Amino acid sequence: MSSTLHKLQYLRKKKGMSQDQMAQKLGMTVHGYRKIEQGSRRMTLELAIKIKGIVDVAHIEDILDAG
């Protein structure tokens, strides 16, 4: 599992959110969000920006792998 996927799960849990709650805030199914956390679905830039706002990180790089 890549560090991006670990970061997503860590940041979501740090906010006290379930996968279902995160999916609802993102306007997607929990199945779709779970696939992103598992790495079987790619995260778009648009989705990363939405997640950034939900988990209150300062920079998009705090979610995405830099390299």
N, C-alpha and C. Protein backbone atom coordinates (compact mmCIF):
# COMPACT_ATOMS: atom_id res chain seq x y z
N MET A 1 0.85 -1.19 0.00
CA MET A 1 0.00 0.00 0.00
C MET A 1 0.89 1.24 0.00
N SER A 2 0.60 2.18 -0.87
CA SER A 2 1.43 3.37 -0.98
C SER A 2 1.22 4.30 0.20
N SER A 3 2.16 5.23 0.36
CA SER A 3 2.03 6.18 1.47
C SER A 3 0.81 7.08 1.30
N THR A 4 0.39 7.33 0.06
CA THR A 4 -0.82 8.14 -0.16
C THR A 4 -2.03 7.44 0.45
N LEU A 5 -2.13 6.13 0.25
CA LEU A 5 -3.28 5.39 0.77
C LEU A 5 -3.24 5.35 2.29
N HIS A 6 -2.05 5.19 2.85
CA HIS A 6 -1.92 5.24 4.31
C HIS A 6 -2.33 6.62 4.83
N LYS A 7 -1.92 7.65 4.12
CA LYS A 7 -2.27 9.02 4.52
C LYS A 7 -3.77 9.24 4.50
N LEU A 8 -4.43 8.76 3.46
CA LEU A 8 -5.88 8.93 3.36
C LEU A 8 -6.58 8.30 4.56
N GLN A 9 -6.23 7.07 4.84
CA GLN A 9 -6.85 6.37 5.95
C GLN A 9 -6.52 7.05 7.28
N TYR A 10 -5.26 7.44 7.47
CA TYR A 10 -4.84 8.10 8.70
C TYR A 10 -5.60 9.42 8.90
N LEU A 11 -5.65 10.25 7.86
CA LEU A 11 -6.31 11.55 7.98
C LEU A 11 -7.82 11.41 8.21
N ARG A 12 -8.42 10.44 7.55
CA ARG A 12 -9.86 10.19 7.74
C ARG A 12 -10.13 9.77 9.18
N LYS A 13 -9.35 8.84 9.68
CA LYS A 13 -9.55 8.36 11.05
C LYS A 13 -9.22 9.45 12.07
N LYS A 14 -8.23 10.27 11.78
CA LYS A 14 -7.88 11.38 12.67
C LYS A 14 -9.06 12.34 12.84
N LYS A 15 -9.85 12.49 11.78
CA LYS A 15 -11.05 13.34 11.83
C LYS A 15 -12.23 12.60 12.47
N GLY A 16 -12.02 11.32 12.82
CA GLY A 16 -13.08 10.53 13.44
C GLY A 16 -14.17 10.13 12.47
N MET A 17 -13.80 9.98 11.21
CA MET A 17 -14.78 9.67 10.18
C MET A 17 -14.67 8.23 9.71
N SER A 18 -15.82 7.64 9.41
CA SER A 18 -15.85 6.32 8.79
C SER A 18 -15.69 6.50 7.28
N GLN A 19 -15.47 5.39 6.59
CA GLN A 19 -15.42 5.45 5.13
C GLN A 19 -16.76 5.91 4.57
N ASP A 20 -17.85 5.49 5.19
CA ASP A 20 -19.18 5.89 4.74
C ASP A 20 -19.37 7.40 4.88
N GLN A 21 -18.94 7.96 5.99
CA GLN A 21 -19.07 9.40 6.20
C GLN A 21 -18.23 10.18 5.19
N MET A 22 -17.02 9.71 4.94
CA MET A 22 -16.15 10.38 3.96
C MET A 22 -16.78 10.31 2.58
N ALA A 23 -17.27 9.15 2.22
CA ALA A 23 -17.90 8.98 0.90
C ALA A 23 -19.09 9.93 0.75
N GLN A 24 -19.90 10.06 1.79
CA GLN A 24 -21.05 10.97 1.73
C GLN A 24 -20.61 12.41 1.52
N LYS A 25 -19.58 12.83 2.24
CA LYS A 25 -19.08 14.20 2.08
C LYS A 25 -18.52 14.45 0.68
N LEU A 26 -17.98 13.39 0.07
CA LEU A 26 -17.41 13.50 -1.27
C LEU A 26 -18.45 13.32 -2.36
N GLY A 27 -19.66 12.91 -1.98
CA GLY A 27 -20.71 12.70 -2.96
C GLY A 27 -20.50 11.45 -3.79
N MET A 28 -19.96 10.41 -3.16
CA MET A 28 -19.72 9.17 -3.88
C MET A 28 -20.16 8.00 -3.02
N THR A 29 -20.17 6.81 -3.60
CA THR A 29 -20.57 5.63 -2.83
C THR A 29 -19.42 5.22 -1.91
N VAL A 30 -19.77 4.53 -0.84
CA VAL A 30 -18.73 4.03 0.06
C VAL A 30 -17.87 3.00 -0.67
N HIS A 31 -18.48 2.23 -1.56
CA HIS A 31 -17.73 1.26 -2.36
C HIS A 31 -16.65 1.97 -3.19
N GLY A 32 -17.02 3.08 -3.82
CA GLY A 32 -16.07 3.84 -4.62
C GLY A 32 -14.95 4.43 -3.78
N TYR A 33 -15.30 4.96 -2.63
CA TYR A 33 -14.27 5.54 -1.74
C TYR A 33 -13.35 4.44 -1.21
N ARG A 34 -13.92 3.31 -0.84
CA ARG A 34 -13.12 2.19 -0.33
C ARG A 34 -12.10 1.75 -1.37
N LYS A 35 -12.49 1.74 -2.64
CA LYS A 35 -11.56 1.36 -3.71
C LYS A 35 -10.38 2.33 -3.78
N ILE A 36 -10.64 3.61 -3.52
CA ILE A 36 -9.55 4.59 -3.51
C ILE A 36 -8.59 4.30 -2.37
N GLU A 37 -9.11 4.05 -1.17
CA GLU A 37 -8.25 3.74 -0.02
C GLU A 37 -7.49 2.44 -0.23
N GLN A 38 -8.07 1.51 -0.95
CA GLN A 38 -7.41 0.22 -1.20
C GLN A 38 -6.43 0.30 -2.37
N GLY A 39 -6.50 1.36 -3.14
CA GLY A 39 -5.58 1.52 -4.25
C GLY A 39 -6.04 0.90 -5.56
N SER A 40 -7.28 0.43 -5.61
CA SER A 40 -7.76 -0.18 -6.86
C SER A 40 -8.49 0.83 -7.74
N ARG A 41 -8.61 2.06 -7.28
CA ARG A 41 -9.19 3.15 -8.07
C ARG A 41 -8.31 4.38 -7.88
N ARG A 42 -8.00 5.05 -8.97
CA ARG A 42 -7.14 6.24 -8.90
C ARG A 42 -7.90 7.43 -8.34
N MET A 43 -7.19 8.25 -7.62
CA MET A 43 -7.77 9.47 -7.08
C MET A 43 -7.50 10.61 -8.07
N THR A 44 -8.56 11.30 -8.46
CA THR A 44 -8.40 12.44 -9.36
C THR A 44 -7.92 13.65 -8.57
N LEU A 45 -7.39 14.63 -9.26
CA LEU A 45 -6.98 15.87 -8.61
C LEU A 45 -8.18 16.55 -7.96
N GLU A 46 -9.31 16.54 -8.65
CA GLU A 46 -10.53 17.14 -8.12
C GLU A 46 -10.93 16.49 -6.79
N LEU A 47 -10.85 15.18 -6.75
CA LEU A 47 -11.19 14.44 -5.53
C LEU A 47 -10.18 14.74 -4.42
N ALA A 48 -8.90 14.80 -4.78
CA ALA A 48 -7.86 15.11 -3.78
C ALA A 48 -8.10 16.50 -3.18
N ILE A 49 -8.53 17.45 -3.99
CA ILE A 49 -8.81 18.80 -3.49
C ILE A 49 -10.00 18.77 -2.54
N LYS A 50 -11.02 18.00 -2.86
CA LYS A 50 -12.17 17.87 -1.95
C LYS A 50 -11.74 17.24 -0.62
N ILE A 51 -10.94 16.19 -0.70
CA ILE A 51 -10.47 15.51 0.51
C ILE A 51 -9.63 16.46 1.35
N LYS A 52 -8.78 17.24 0.71
CA LYS A 52 -7.95 18.23 1.40
C LYS A 52 -8.80 19.14 2.26
N GLY A 53 -9.92 19.59 1.72
CA GLY A 53 -10.81 20.47 2.47
C GLY A 53 -11.51 19.76 3.62
N ILE A 54 -11.87 18.51 3.42
CA ILE A 54 -12.58 17.76 4.45
C ILE A 54 -11.68 17.44 5.64
N VAL A 55 -10.44 17.04 5.36
CA VAL A 55 -9.55 16.64 6.45
C VAL A 55 -8.69 17.79 6.97
N ASP A 56 -8.90 18.98 6.41
CA ASP A 56 -8.23 20.21 6.89
C ASP A 56 -6.71 20.13 6.87
N VAL A 57 -6.15 19.77 5.71
CA VAL A 57 -4.70 19.85 5.56
C VAL A 57 -4.38 21.11 4.76
N ALA A 58 -3.20 21.64 4.99
CA ALA A 58 -2.83 22.91 4.37
C ALA A 58 -2.48 22.80 2.89
N HIS A 59 -1.86 21.70 2.50
CA HIS A 59 -1.36 21.56 1.14
C HIS A 59 -1.78 20.23 0.54
N ILE A 60 -2.05 20.24 -0.74
CA ILE A 60 -2.45 19.02 -1.44
C ILE A 60 -1.34 17.97 -1.34
N GLU A 61 -0.11 18.42 -1.23
CA GLU A 61 1.02 17.50 -1.11
C GLU A 61 0.96 16.69 0.19
N ASP A 62 0.18 17.19 1.17
CA ASP A 62 0.01 16.45 2.42
C ASP A 62 -0.84 15.19 2.21
N ILE A 63 -1.53 15.11 1.08
CA ILE A 63 -2.33 13.94 0.75
C ILE A 63 -1.63 13.09 -0.31
N LEU A 64 -1.08 13.73 -1.32
CA LEU A 64 -0.49 13.01 -2.44
C LEU A 64 0.97 12.72 -2.23
N ASP A 65 1.47 11.65 -2.84
CA ASP A 65 2.90 11.37 -2.85
C ASP A 65 3.61 12.44 -3.66
N ALA A 66 4.71 12.93 -3.16
CA ALA A 66 5.48 13.94 -3.89
C ALA A 66 6.31 13.30 -5.00
N GLY A 67 6.64 12.07 -4.88
CA GLY A 67 7.49 11.44 -5.88
C GLY A 67 6.95 10.18 -6.32
